[in-house]
């Protein structure tokens, strides 16, 4: 299985709901470093998984609505307890909806993984197989 990853970051503020979270129930800031990994069993005719430039642009665009925002006030996240795990799935879903923007190589993608690094010692991820897409 071949893979390629690109990385971006986003600075946010949020608060978490539930007794489990102690002081994190109060508004606090975080800087997430997000890794966007795509996998396929065979390389495309150009010898790549996908174009890294397109993947970098797509990740940046998906993260844009979160940048420098209080996630408690972002309508797209309404009703979600914005834990690192929940945010990893949210980013995954937004990217999955837009994979065709990666060009013809997207047709061969079989798996995707999103990792949100919240510090040098803690991270959460969401990964899944991707639905097959017809070649473009």
Protein backbone atom coordinates (compact mmCIF):
# COMPACT_ATOMS: atom_id res chain seq x y z
CA UNK A 1 0.00 0.00 0.00
CA UNK A 2 1.39 3.41 -0.98
CA UNK A 3 0.62 6.53 1.01
CA UNK A 4 1.27 10.24 0.94
CA UNK A 5 0.68 12.73 3.74
CA UNK A 6 0.45 16.49 3.89
CA UNK A 7 0.26 18.67 6.97
CA UNK A 8 -1.28 21.97 8.02
CA UNK A 9 -2.19 23.57 11.31
CA UNK A 10 -5.06 25.53 12.77
CA UNK A 11 -5.35 27.67 15.90
CA UNK A 12 -8.73 27.50 17.63
CA UNK A 13 -10.53 28.13 20.90
CA UNK A 14 -13.25 25.92 22.35
CA UNK A 15 -14.72 24.47 25.50
CA UNK A 16 -15.69 20.86 26.12
CA UNK A 17 -18.90 19.53 27.65
CA UNK A 18 -18.93 16.90 30.38
CA UNK A 19 -17.48 16.33 33.82
CA UNK A 20 -14.70 14.21 32.32
CA UNK A 21 -13.00 17.33 30.94
CA UNK A 22 -12.36 19.22 34.20
CA UNK A 23 -10.70 22.58 33.43
CA UNK A 24 -11.11 22.01 29.66
CA UNK A 25 -14.81 22.75 30.19
CA UNK A 26 -13.72 26.39 30.29
CA UNK A 27 -12.85 28.22 27.09
CA UNK A 28 -9.25 27.45 26.12
CA UNK A 29 -7.06 27.58 23.05
CA UNK A 30 -5.35 24.89 21.04
CA UNK A 31 -3.12 24.65 18.02
CA UNK A 32 -3.75 21.46 16.09
CA UNK A 33 -1.24 20.11 13.59
CA UNK A 34 -3.30 18.07 11.13
CA UNK A 35 -1.92 15.23 9.01
CA UNK A 36 -3.92 14.21 5.92
CA UNK A 37 -2.85 10.76 4.69
CA UNK A 38 -4.14 9.11 1.53
CA UNK A 39 -3.50 5.50 0.51
CA UNK A 40 -3.80 3.38 -2.61
CA UNK A 41 -2.53 -0.09 -3.55
CA UNK A 42 -0.89 1.03 -6.82
CA UNK A 43 0.58 4.34 -7.95
CA UNK A 44 -1.19 6.33 -10.67
CA UNK A 45 0.29 6.57 -14.21
CA UNK A 46 2.46 9.50 -13.03
CA UNK A 47 3.99 7.40 -10.25
CA UNK A 48 2.24 9.19 -7.37
CA UNK A 49 -0.56 8.57 -4.89
CA UNK A 50 -1.96 12.06 -5.57
CA UNK A 51 -0.51 15.44 -6.40
CA UNK A 52 0.92 16.75 -3.11
CA UNK A 53 0.20 20.37 -4.08
CA UNK A 54 -3.49 19.64 -4.65
CA UNK A 55 -3.71 17.69 -1.39
CA UNK A 56 -2.07 20.57 0.51
CA UNK A 57 -4.50 23.08 -1.00
CA UNK A 58 -7.51 20.89 -0.24
CA UNK A 59 -6.52 20.43 3.40
CA UNK A 60 -5.92 24.16 3.78
CA UNK A 61 -9.32 24.97 2.28
CA UNK A 62 -11.18 22.49 4.50
CA UNK A 63 -9.52 23.90 7.62
CA UNK A 64 -10.13 27.54 6.69
CA UNK A 65 -13.55 27.87 8.44
CA UNK A 66 -11.92 26.80 11.73
CA UNK A 67 -8.90 29.12 11.72
CA UNK A 68 -8.79 31.54 14.65
CA UNK A 69 -12.37 30.68 15.57
CA UNK A 70 -14.11 29.82 18.80
CA UNK A 71 -15.46 26.43 17.75
CA UNK A 72 -18.32 26.85 20.23
CA UNK A 73 -19.64 29.52 17.82
CA UNK A 74 -19.01 27.81 14.45
CA UNK A 75 -22.41 26.84 13.03
CA UNK A 76 -20.98 23.86 11.10
CA UNK A 77 -19.99 22.33 14.46
CA UNK A 78 -23.24 23.13 16.29
CA UNK A 79 -24.20 20.38 18.71
CA UNK A 80 -20.79 18.68 18.62
CA UNK A 81 -18.55 18.29 21.63
CA UNK A 82 -15.38 19.34 19.80
CA UNK A 83 -12.97 16.82 21.25
CA UNK A 84 -9.88 16.04 19.22
CA UNK A 85 -11.48 12.77 18.12
CA UNK A 86 -14.69 14.47 16.99
CA UNK A 87 -12.71 17.09 15.08
CA UNK A 88 -10.65 14.37 13.35
CA UNK A 89 -13.87 12.79 12.05
CA UNK A 90 -15.29 16.17 11.04
CA UNK A 91 -12.17 16.99 9.01
CA UNK A 92 -12.20 13.49 7.47
CA UNK A 93 -15.82 13.89 6.34
CA UNK A 94 -15.23 17.33 4.79
CA UNK A 95 -12.17 16.06 2.91
CA UNK A 96 -13.95 12.88 1.75
CA UNK A 97 -16.69 15.02 0.18
CA UNK A 98 -14.08 16.89 -1.88
CA UNK A 99 -11.57 14.22 -2.92
CA UNK A 100 -12.43 14.66 -6.61
CA UNK A 101 -10.65 18.02 -6.37
CA UNK A 102 -7.41 16.01 -6.26
CA UNK A 103 -7.84 15.19 -9.95
CA UNK A 104 -7.77 11.86 -11.78
CA UNK A 105 -5.58 10.23 -9.13
CA UNK A 106 -8.47 10.38 -6.66
CA UNK A 107 -10.18 7.46 -8.44
CA UNK A 108 -7.53 5.04 -7.14
CA UNK A 109 -7.64 6.08 -3.48
CA UNK A 110 -8.78 3.36 -1.10
CA UNK A 111 -8.08 4.68 2.42
CA UNK A 112 -7.72 7.97 4.24
CA UNK A 113 -6.44 8.86 7.71
CA UNK A 114 -6.67 12.19 9.54
CA UNK A 115 -4.50 12.79 12.59
CA UNK A 116 -4.96 15.81 14.85
CA UNK A 117 -1.82 16.38 16.91
CA UNK A 118 -2.80 18.49 19.89
CA UNK A 119 0.65 18.49 21.44
CA UNK A 120 3.98 16.70 21.17
CA UNK A 121 2.60 13.93 23.40
CA UNK A 122 -1.07 13.60 22.43
CA UNK A 123 -2.99 13.05 19.21
CA UNK A 124 -6.20 11.50 17.93
CA UNK A 125 -7.05 10.08 14.53
CA UNK A 126 -9.87 8.87 12.34
CA UNK A 127 -9.32 6.56 9.40
CA UNK A 128 -11.52 4.56 7.08
CA UNK A 129 -11.71 2.89 3.72
CA UNK A 130 -13.03 5.18 0.99
CA UNK A 131 -15.97 4.53 -1.28
CA UNK A 132 -14.88 3.64 -4.81
CA UNK A 133 -15.01 6.52 -7.29
CA UNK A 134 -15.19 6.15 -11.04
CA UNK A 135 -12.15 7.28 -13.04
CA UNK A 136 -12.36 10.84 -14.40
